[in-house]
Amino acid sequence: METNISKKSRKLEALLWSIALPGFGQLLNRKYIKGLLLVGLEFIINVMGNFNQIIIYSFQLKIEEAIEATNYSWLMFYPCLYFFAIWDAYKDAGGGEKAFSYLPLVFSAYFVTVGLVFSSKLKLFGCFIGPIWLPMIFLPIGLSIGGFIRWILLNIYTNK
């Protein structure tokens, strides 16, 4: 019999491995076909979007080079794949049972994508933030809006 702590540990383990690389959480949950498909898609999008090079440039604060290296047509797929993989791994591990609990991650995918779209145009304090840091800045906005919409929907449906 699985204890409450081991269930929470299992959900957290799947979540964290999925954050590390989309598909790892699914492999951990023994969803091998889905996991390998997500790992494969992550690899293709990563390579075609130049994601690893963009990460390197961004951490070296070479933002102009990061923007130049970005293949936006490919990288636009990454946020939705990434957040779906996280949600799916968590759900398959037994999480996400509460109503509308998916909304913060869905809105995170939306807002990270918006951050990516504007990463080559938007400047903060006169500086480009780039295709890694600007989407990361948009992440808490997506989490917050998704959480707020979840709260509204829960209030609507529980107060009927």
N, C-alpha and C. Protein backbone atom coordinates (compact mmCIF):
# COMPACT_ATOMS: atom_id res chain seq x y z
N MET A 1 0.84 -1.18 0.00
CA MET A 1 0.00 0.00 0.00
C MET A 1 0.89 1.24 0.00
N GLU A 2 0.58 2.14 -0.89
CA GLU A 2 1.38 3.35 -1.04
C GLU A 2 0.93 4.40 -0.02
N THR A 3 1.89 4.96 0.69
CA THR A 3 1.56 5.99 1.69
C THR A 3 1.34 7.32 1.00
N ASN A 4 0.76 8.26 1.74
CA ASN A 4 0.50 9.59 1.21
C ASN A 4 1.81 10.29 0.82
N ILE A 5 2.85 10.10 1.66
CA ILE A 5 4.14 10.72 1.36
C ILE A 5 4.75 10.13 0.10
N SER A 6 4.68 8.82 -0.08
CA SER A 6 5.27 8.22 -1.27
C SER A 6 4.49 8.60 -2.53
N LYS A 7 3.16 8.80 -2.42
CA LYS A 7 2.38 9.29 -3.56
C LYS A 7 2.82 10.69 -3.95
N LYS A 8 2.99 11.56 -2.95
CA LYS A 8 3.45 12.93 -3.23
C LYS A 8 4.86 12.92 -3.79
N SER A 9 5.70 12.05 -3.26
CA SER A 9 7.07 11.93 -3.75
C SER A 9 7.08 11.49 -5.21
N ARG A 10 6.22 10.54 -5.55
CA ARG A 10 6.12 10.04 -6.92
C ARG A 10 5.67 11.14 -7.89
N LYS A 11 4.68 11.92 -7.47
CA LYS A 11 4.20 13.03 -8.31
C LYS A 11 5.30 14.06 -8.51
N LEU A 12 5.98 14.41 -7.42
CA LEU A 12 7.06 15.39 -7.50
C LEU A 12 8.21 14.88 -8.35
N GLU A 13 8.56 13.61 -8.21
CA GLU A 13 9.62 13.01 -9.01
C GLU A 13 9.31 13.10 -10.50
N ALA A 14 8.09 12.73 -10.88
CA ALA A 14 7.69 12.80 -12.29
C ALA A 14 7.71 14.23 -12.79
N LEU A 15 7.23 15.15 -11.97
CA LEU A 15 7.22 16.57 -12.32
C LEU A 15 8.63 17.09 -12.55
N LEU A 16 9.54 16.80 -11.62
CA LEU A 16 10.90 17.33 -11.72
C LEU A 16 11.68 16.72 -12.88
N TRP A 17 11.50 15.41 -13.14
CA TRP A 17 12.18 14.82 -14.29
C TRP A 17 11.63 15.38 -15.60
N SER A 18 10.35 15.68 -15.62
CA SER A 18 9.77 16.25 -16.82
C SER A 18 10.25 17.69 -17.04
N ILE A 19 10.48 18.42 -15.97
CA ILE A 19 11.05 19.76 -16.09
C ILE A 19 12.47 19.66 -16.64
N ALA A 20 13.21 18.63 -16.21
CA ALA A 20 14.58 18.43 -16.69
C ALA A 20 14.59 18.19 -18.20
N LEU A 21 13.71 17.32 -18.67
CA LEU A 21 13.63 17.05 -20.11
C LEU A 21 12.25 16.47 -20.41
N PRO A 22 11.50 17.11 -21.30
CA PRO A 22 10.18 16.58 -21.65
C PRO A 22 10.27 15.13 -22.11
N GLY A 23 9.43 14.30 -21.52
CA GLY A 23 9.40 12.88 -21.84
C GLY A 23 9.99 12.02 -20.74
N PHE A 24 10.91 12.56 -19.93
CA PHE A 24 11.51 11.77 -18.86
C PHE A 24 10.47 11.38 -17.81
N GLY A 25 9.57 12.28 -17.48
CA GLY A 25 8.52 11.96 -16.52
C GLY A 25 7.63 10.84 -17.02
N GLN A 26 7.33 10.86 -18.33
CA GLN A 26 6.50 9.81 -18.91
C GLN A 26 7.24 8.47 -18.87
N LEU A 27 8.54 8.48 -19.15
CA LEU A 27 9.32 7.25 -19.07
C LEU A 27 9.32 6.71 -17.64
N LEU A 28 9.46 7.59 -16.68
CA LEU A 28 9.42 7.20 -15.28
C LEU A 28 8.06 6.60 -14.92
N ASN A 29 7.00 7.12 -15.53
CA ASN A 29 5.64 6.62 -15.29
C ASN A 29 5.31 5.38 -16.13
N ARG A 30 6.32 4.88 -16.83
CA ARG A 30 6.18 3.68 -17.69
C ARG A 30 5.24 3.90 -18.87
N LYS A 31 5.16 5.13 -19.33
CA LYS A 31 4.43 5.46 -20.55
C LYS A 31 5.48 5.61 -21.66
N TYR A 32 6.02 4.48 -22.09
CA TYR A 32 7.23 4.47 -22.92
C TYR A 32 7.04 5.09 -24.29
N ILE A 33 5.95 4.79 -24.96
CA ILE A 33 5.74 5.34 -26.30
C ILE A 33 5.57 6.86 -26.22
N LYS A 34 4.73 7.32 -25.29
CA LYS A 34 4.53 8.75 -25.11
C LYS A 34 5.83 9.43 -24.69
N GLY A 35 6.56 8.80 -23.79
CA GLY A 35 7.82 9.37 -23.33
C GLY A 35 8.84 9.49 -24.44
N LEU A 36 9.01 8.44 -25.22
CA LEU A 36 9.98 8.48 -26.32
C LEU A 36 9.55 9.48 -27.39
N LEU A 37 8.25 9.58 -27.64
CA LEU A 37 7.75 10.58 -28.59
C LEU A 37 8.08 11.99 -28.11
N LEU A 38 7.84 12.27 -26.83
CA LEU A 38 8.13 13.60 -26.30
C LEU A 38 9.63 13.90 -26.29
N VAL A 39 10.44 12.92 -25.92
CA VAL A 39 11.90 13.11 -25.97
C VAL A 39 12.33 13.39 -27.41
N GLY A 40 11.78 12.63 -28.34
CA GLY A 40 12.12 12.84 -29.76
C GLY A 40 11.71 14.21 -30.26
N LEU A 41 10.47 14.62 -29.92
CA LEU A 41 10.01 15.95 -30.32
C LEU A 41 10.86 17.05 -29.68
N GLU A 42 11.22 16.86 -28.41
CA GLU A 42 12.06 17.83 -27.74
C GLU A 42 13.41 17.95 -28.46
N PHE A 43 13.98 16.82 -28.81
CA PHE A 43 15.27 16.81 -29.50
C PHE A 43 15.18 17.53 -30.85
N ILE A 44 14.15 17.21 -31.62
CA ILE A 44 13.99 17.83 -32.94
C ILE A 44 13.80 19.35 -32.82
N ILE A 45 12.90 19.77 -31.94
CA ILE A 45 12.64 21.20 -31.77
C ILE A 45 13.88 21.90 -31.22
N ASN A 46 14.57 21.25 -30.29
CA ASN A 46 15.78 21.81 -29.70
C ASN A 46 16.83 22.06 -30.79
N VAL A 47 17.09 21.04 -31.61
CA VAL A 47 18.11 21.16 -32.65
C VAL A 47 17.69 22.17 -33.72
N MET A 48 16.46 22.05 -34.20
CA MET A 48 16.01 22.92 -35.29
C MET A 48 15.86 24.37 -34.83
N GLY A 49 15.53 24.58 -33.56
CA GLY A 49 15.37 25.94 -33.04
C GLY A 49 16.67 26.53 -32.51
N ASN A 50 17.77 25.74 -32.51
CA ASN A 50 19.08 26.17 -31.98
C ASN A 50 19.01 26.46 -30.48
N PHE A 51 18.16 25.74 -29.78
CA PHE A 51 17.86 26.06 -28.39
C PHE A 51 19.09 26.01 -27.48
N ASN A 52 19.91 24.97 -27.59
CA ASN A 52 21.09 24.88 -26.72
C ASN A 52 22.05 26.04 -26.94
N GLN A 53 22.26 26.44 -28.20
CA GLN A 53 23.14 27.57 -28.48
C GLN A 53 22.56 28.86 -27.92
N ILE A 54 21.25 29.00 -28.01
CA ILE A 54 20.57 30.19 -27.47
C ILE A 54 20.74 30.24 -25.95
N ILE A 55 20.63 29.09 -25.30
CA ILE A 55 20.83 29.03 -23.85
C ILE A 55 22.25 29.45 -23.49
N ILE A 56 23.22 28.94 -24.23
CA ILE A 56 24.62 29.30 -23.96
C ILE A 56 24.83 30.79 -24.13
N TYR A 57 24.40 31.35 -25.26
CA TYR A 57 24.54 32.79 -25.49
C TYR A 57 23.85 33.60 -24.39
N SER A 58 22.66 33.16 -23.99
CA SER A 58 21.89 33.90 -22.99
C SER A 58 22.60 33.90 -21.63
N PHE A 59 23.14 32.77 -21.24
CA PHE A 59 23.85 32.72 -19.96
C PHE A 59 25.16 33.50 -20.01
N GLN A 60 25.72 33.65 -21.19
CA GLN A 60 26.92 34.47 -21.36
C GLN A 60 26.57 35.94 -21.58
N LEU A 61 25.28 36.26 -21.50
CA LEU A 61 24.73 37.60 -21.71
C LEU A 61 25.04 38.15 -23.10
N LYS A 62 25.13 37.27 -24.07
CA LYS A 62 25.27 37.64 -25.48
C LYS A 62 23.88 37.59 -26.12
N ILE A 63 23.06 38.54 -25.71
CA ILE A 63 21.63 38.51 -26.07
C ILE A 63 21.42 38.73 -27.56
N GLU A 64 22.15 39.64 -28.16
CA GLU A 64 22.02 39.87 -29.61
C GLU A 64 22.33 38.59 -30.39
N GLU A 65 23.39 37.89 -29.98
CA GLU A 65 23.75 36.63 -30.65
C GLU A 65 22.67 35.58 -30.43
N ALA A 66 22.08 35.56 -29.24
CA ALA A 66 21.01 34.61 -28.96
C ALA A 66 19.81 34.87 -29.86
N ILE A 67 19.46 36.14 -30.00
CA ILE A 67 18.33 36.49 -30.88
C ILE A 67 18.64 36.09 -32.31
N GLU A 68 19.84 36.37 -32.75
CA GLU A 68 20.26 36.04 -34.13
C GLU A 68 20.24 34.53 -34.37
N ALA A 69 20.60 33.75 -33.37
CA ALA A 69 20.67 32.28 -33.52
C ALA A 69 19.31 31.61 -33.46
N THR A 70 18.30 32.31 -32.96
CA THR A 70 16.98 31.71 -32.74
C THR A 70 16.25 31.45 -34.04
N ASN A 71 15.80 30.23 -34.20
CA ASN A 71 14.88 29.90 -35.28
C ASN A 71 13.48 29.90 -34.67
N TYR A 72 12.83 31.06 -34.77
CA TYR A 72 11.53 31.24 -34.11
C TYR A 72 10.47 30.29 -34.64
N SER A 73 10.54 29.95 -35.91
CA SER A 73 9.54 29.04 -36.49
C SER A 73 9.54 27.69 -35.78
N TRP A 74 10.68 27.22 -35.37
CA TRP A 74 10.76 25.96 -34.64
C TRP A 74 10.58 26.15 -33.14
N LEU A 75 11.21 27.17 -32.59
CA LEU A 75 11.20 27.33 -31.14
C LEU A 75 9.81 27.66 -30.60
N MET A 76 8.93 28.17 -31.43
CA MET A 76 7.57 28.49 -31.00
C MET A 76 6.82 27.24 -30.51
N PHE A 77 7.22 26.05 -30.96
CA PHE A 77 6.58 24.81 -30.53
C PHE A 77 6.99 24.43 -29.11
N TYR A 78 8.14 24.91 -28.67
CA TYR A 78 8.74 24.40 -27.43
C TYR A 78 7.91 24.67 -26.17
N PRO A 79 7.39 25.89 -25.94
CA PRO A 79 6.67 26.11 -24.69
C PRO A 79 5.47 25.18 -24.50
N CYS A 80 4.69 24.96 -25.54
CA CYS A 80 3.52 24.09 -25.40
C CYS A 80 3.94 22.64 -25.17
N LEU A 81 4.95 22.18 -25.90
CA LEU A 81 5.46 20.83 -25.68
C LEU A 81 5.97 20.68 -24.26
N TYR A 82 6.73 21.65 -23.80
CA TYR A 82 7.36 21.61 -22.49
C TYR A 82 6.32 21.55 -21.37
N PHE A 83 5.36 22.46 -21.39
CA PHE A 83 4.37 22.51 -20.31
C PHE A 83 3.37 21.36 -20.40
N PHE A 84 3.07 20.91 -21.61
CA PHE A 84 2.21 19.73 -21.73
C PHE A 84 2.90 18.51 -21.13
N ALA A 85 4.18 18.33 -21.43
CA ALA A 85 4.93 17.18 -20.91
C ALA A 85 4.97 17.21 -19.38
N ILE A 86 5.16 18.38 -18.81
CA ILE A 86 5.18 18.51 -17.35
C ILE A 86 3.82 18.11 -16.78
N TRP A 87 2.76 18.69 -17.34
CA TRP A 87 1.41 18.40 -16.85
C TRP A 87 1.08 16.92 -17.00
N ASP A 88 1.38 16.37 -18.15
CA ASP A 88 1.03 14.99 -18.43
C ASP A 88 1.76 14.02 -17.49
N ALA A 89 3.03 14.27 -17.24
CA ALA A 89 3.79 13.42 -16.33
C ALA A 89 3.23 13.50 -14.91
N TYR A 90 2.91 14.70 -14.49
CA TYR A 90 2.35 14.90 -13.16
C TYR A 90 1.00 14.19 -13.03
N LYS A 91 0.18 14.35 -14.05
CA LYS A 91 -1.16 13.74 -14.05
C LYS A 91 -1.06 12.21 -14.05
N ASP A 92 -0.17 11.67 -14.88
CA ASP A 92 0.00 10.22 -14.94
C ASP A 92 0.56 9.65 -13.63
N ALA A 93 1.24 10.48 -12.86
CA ALA A 93 1.78 10.04 -11.57
C ALA A 93 0.74 10.15 -10.45
N GLY A 94 -0.45 10.61 -10.80
CA GLY A 94 -1.52 10.70 -9.82
C GLY A 94 -1.87 12.10 -9.37
N GLY A 95 -1.25 13.09 -9.96
CA GLY A 95 -1.54 14.47 -9.60
C GLY A 95 -2.63 15.06 -10.47
N GLY A 96 -2.93 16.32 -10.22
CA GLY A 96 -3.88 17.04 -11.06
C GLY A 96 -5.31 16.59 -10.94
N GLU A 97 -5.68 16.07 -9.79
CA GLU A 97 -7.04 15.57 -9.62
C GLU A 97 -8.03 16.67 -9.26
N LYS A 98 -7.56 17.80 -8.82
CA LYS A 98 -8.46 18.89 -8.45
C LYS A 98 -8.96 19.60 -9.71
N ALA A 99 -10.17 20.11 -9.65
CA ALA A 99 -10.79 20.77 -10.80
C ALA A 99 -9.96 21.93 -11.31
N PHE A 100 -9.81 21.99 -12.60
CA PHE A 100 -9.14 23.08 -13.31
C PHE A 100 -7.67 23.25 -12.90
N SER A 101 -7.06 22.22 -12.32
CA SER A 101 -5.68 22.35 -11.86
C SER A 101 -4.67 22.47 -13.01
N TYR A 102 -5.10 22.18 -14.21
CA TYR A 102 -4.24 22.31 -15.39
C TYR A 102 -4.06 23.75 -15.84
N LEU A 103 -4.97 24.64 -15.44
CA LEU A 103 -4.98 26.00 -15.99
C LEU A 103 -3.68 26.80 -15.78
N PRO A 104 -3.05 26.76 -14.62
CA PRO A 104 -1.79 27.51 -14.50
C PRO A 104 -0.72 27.08 -15.51
N LEU A 105 -0.61 25.77 -15.78
CA LEU A 105 0.39 25.33 -16.76
C LEU A 105 -0.02 25.67 -18.19
N VAL A 106 -1.30 25.60 -18.49
CA VAL A 106 -1.77 25.98 -19.82
C VAL A 106 -1.46 27.46 -20.09
N PHE A 107 -1.78 28.31 -19.12
CA PHE A 107 -1.52 29.73 -19.31
C PHE A 107 -0.02 30.04 -19.27
N SER A 108 0.74 29.23 -18.58
CA SER A 108 2.20 29.38 -18.63
C SER A 108 2.69 29.14 -20.05
N ALA A 109 2.19 28.09 -20.68
CA ALA A 109 2.58 27.81 -22.07
C ALA A 109 2.23 28.99 -22.98
N TYR A 110 1.03 29.54 -22.80
CA TYR A 110 0.62 30.68 -23.61
C TYR A 110 1.55 31.88 -23.41
N PHE A 111 1.79 32.22 -22.16
CA PHE A 111 2.55 33.44 -21.88
C PHE A 111 4.04 33.29 -22.18
N VAL A 112 4.60 32.11 -21.98
CA VAL A 112 5.99 31.88 -22.37
C VAL A 112 6.11 32.02 -23.89
N THR A 113 5.12 31.53 -24.62
CA THR A 113 5.12 31.69 -26.08
C THR A 113 5.06 33.17 -26.46
N VAL A 114 4.21 33.92 -25.80
CA VAL A 114 4.13 35.37 -26.07
C VAL A 114 5.47 36.04 -25.76
N GLY A 115 6.10 35.65 -24.66
CA GLY A 115 7.42 36.19 -24.34
C GLY A 115 8.44 35.88 -25.42
N LEU A 116 8.38 34.68 -25.97
CA LEU A 116 9.27 34.31 -27.06
C LEU A 116 8.99 35.15 -28.30
N VAL A 117 7.73 35.35 -28.62
CA VAL A 117 7.34 36.14 -29.80
C VAL A 117 7.94 37.55 -29.73
N PHE A 118 7.90 38.17 -28.57
CA PHE A 118 8.37 39.54 -28.43
C PHE A 118 9.84 39.66 -28.02
N SER A 119 10.53 38.55 -27.89
CA SER A 119 11.90 38.58 -27.38
C SER A 119 12.89 39.27 -28.29
N SER A 120 12.60 39.40 -29.56
CA SER A 120 13.52 40.10 -30.46
C SER A 120 13.14 41.57 -30.65
N LYS A 121 12.06 42.00 -30.01
CA LYS A 121 11.59 43.38 -30.19
C LYS A 121 11.50 44.16 -28.89
N LEU A 122 11.15 43.48 -27.81
CA LEU A 122 10.87 44.15 -26.55
C LEU A 122 12.16 44.41 -25.77
N LYS A 123 12.33 45.65 -25.35
CA LYS A 123 13.46 46.03 -24.52
C LYS A 123 12.95 46.43 -23.14
N LEU A 124 13.69 46.03 -22.12
CA LEU A 124 13.42 46.48 -20.77
C LEU A 124 14.62 47.30 -20.32
N PHE A 125 14.35 48.51 -19.89
CA PHE A 125 15.41 49.43 -19.47
C PHE A 125 16.45 49.62 -20.58
N GLY A 126 15.97 49.65 -21.84
CA GLY A 126 16.83 49.89 -22.98
C GLY A 126 17.63 48.70 -23.47
N CYS A 127 17.39 47.53 -22.89
CA CYS A 127 18.15 46.33 -23.27
C CYS A 127 17.21 45.21 -23.71
N PHE A 128 17.65 44.47 -24.72
CA PHE A 128 16.93 43.27 -25.08
C PHE A 128 17.11 42.24 -23.97
N ILE A 129 16.05 41.51 -23.69
CA ILE A 129 16.11 40.46 -22.68
C ILE A 129 16.41 39.12 -23.33
N GLY A 130 15.92 38.95 -24.56
CA GLY A 130 16.27 37.78 -25.36
C GLY A 130 15.29 36.62 -25.25
N PRO A 131 15.54 35.59 -26.08
CA PRO A 131 14.61 34.47 -26.22
C PRO A 131 14.64 33.44 -25.09
N ILE A 132 15.51 33.60 -24.13
CA ILE A 132 15.48 32.74 -22.95
C ILE A 132 14.90 33.50 -21.76
N TRP A 133 15.45 34.68 -21.50
CA TRP A 133 15.07 35.41 -20.28
C TRP A 133 13.69 36.04 -20.37
N LEU A 134 13.30 36.61 -21.51
CA LEU A 134 11.97 37.23 -21.60
C LEU A 134 10.85 36.20 -21.41
N PRO A 135 10.90 35.05 -22.08
CA PRO A 135 9.87 34.05 -21.79
C PRO A 135 9.85 33.62 -20.31
N MET A 136 11.01 33.56 -19.69
CA MET A 136 11.05 33.20 -18.26
C MET A 136 10.40 34.29 -17.40
N ILE A 137 10.54 35.53 -17.82
CA ILE A 137 9.88 36.63 -17.10
C ILE A 137 8.36 36.53 -17.26
N PHE A 138 7.91 36.06 -18.42
CA PHE A 138 6.48 35.91 -18.67
C PHE A 138 5.88 34.70 -17.95
N LEU A 139 6.70 33.75 -17.51
CA LEU A 139 6.20 32.54 -16.86
C LEU A 139 5.37 32.82 -15.61
N PRO A 140 5.85 33.62 -14.65
CA PRO A 140 4.99 33.85 -13.47
C PRO A 140 3.69 34.58 -13.79
N ILE A 141 3.69 35.36 -14.88
CA ILE A 141 2.46 36.02 -15.31
C ILE A 141 1.45 34.95 -15.74
N GLY A 142 1.90 33.99 -16.55
CA GLY A 142 1.03 32.91 -16.99
C GLY A 142 0.54 32.06 -15.83
N LEU A 143 1.45 31.72 -14.90
CA LEU A 143 1.04 30.95 -13.72
C LEU A 143 -0.01 31.70 -12.92
N SER A 144 0.20 33.00 -12.74
CA SER A 144 -0.73 33.81 -11.94
C SER A 144 -2.08 33.94 -12.61
N ILE A 145 -2.09 34.24 -13.90
CA ILE A 145 -3.36 34.38 -14.62
C ILE A 145 -4.10 33.06 -14.65
N GLY A 146 -3.38 31.96 -14.92
CA GLY A 146 -4.01 30.64 -14.90
C GLY A 146 -4.58 30.31 -13.53
N GLY A 147 -3.84 30.64 -12.48
CA GLY A 147 -4.34 30.42 -11.12
C GLY A 147 -5.55 31.27 -10.80
N PHE A 148 -5.53 32.51 -11.28
CA PHE A 148 -6.66 33.41 -11.05
C PHE A 148 -7.91 32.93 -11.80
N ILE A 149 -7.75 32.51 -13.04
CA ILE A 149 -8.89 31.99 -13.81
C ILE A 149 -9.42 30.71 -13.16
N ARG A 150 -8.52 29.87 -12.67
CA ARG A 150 -8.94 28.67 -11.94
C ARG A 150 -9.77 29.05 -10.72
N TRP A 151 -9.31 30.03 -9.98
CA TRP A 151 -10.02 30.50 -8.78
C TRP A 151 -11.42 31.01 -9.15
N ILE A 152 -11.51 31.78 -10.23
CA ILE A 152 -12.80 32.30 -10.69
C ILE A 152 -13.73 31.14 -11.05
N LEU A 153 -13.23 30.20 -11.83
CA LEU A 153 -14.07 29.07 -12.25
C LEU A 153 -14.51 28.22 -11.06
N LEU A 154 -13.61 28.00 -10.11
CA LEU A 154 -14.00 27.24 -8.91
C LEU A 154 -15.10 27.96 -8.14
N ASN A 155 -14.98 29.29 -8.04
CA ASN A 155 -16.02 30.06 -7.35
C ASN A 155 -17.33 30.03 -8.10
N ILE A 156 -17.29 30.10 -9.41
CA ILE A 156 -18.52 30.05 -10.21
C ILE A 156 -19.22 28.71 -10.03
N TYR A 157 -18.46 27.62 -10.14
CA TYR A 157 -19.06 26.30 -10.10
C TYR A 157 -19.40 25.80 -8.70
N THR A 158 -18.73 26.31 -7.68
CA THR A 158 -19.04 25.86 -6.32
C THR A 158 -20.12 26.71 -5.66
N ASN A 159 -20.38 27.90 -6.21
CA ASN A 159 -21.40 28.78 -5.63
C ASN A 159 -22.75 28.67 -6.33
N LYS A 160 -22.92 27.69 -7.18
CA LYS A 160 -24.20 27.53 -7.87
C LYS A 160 -25.20 26.87 -6.98
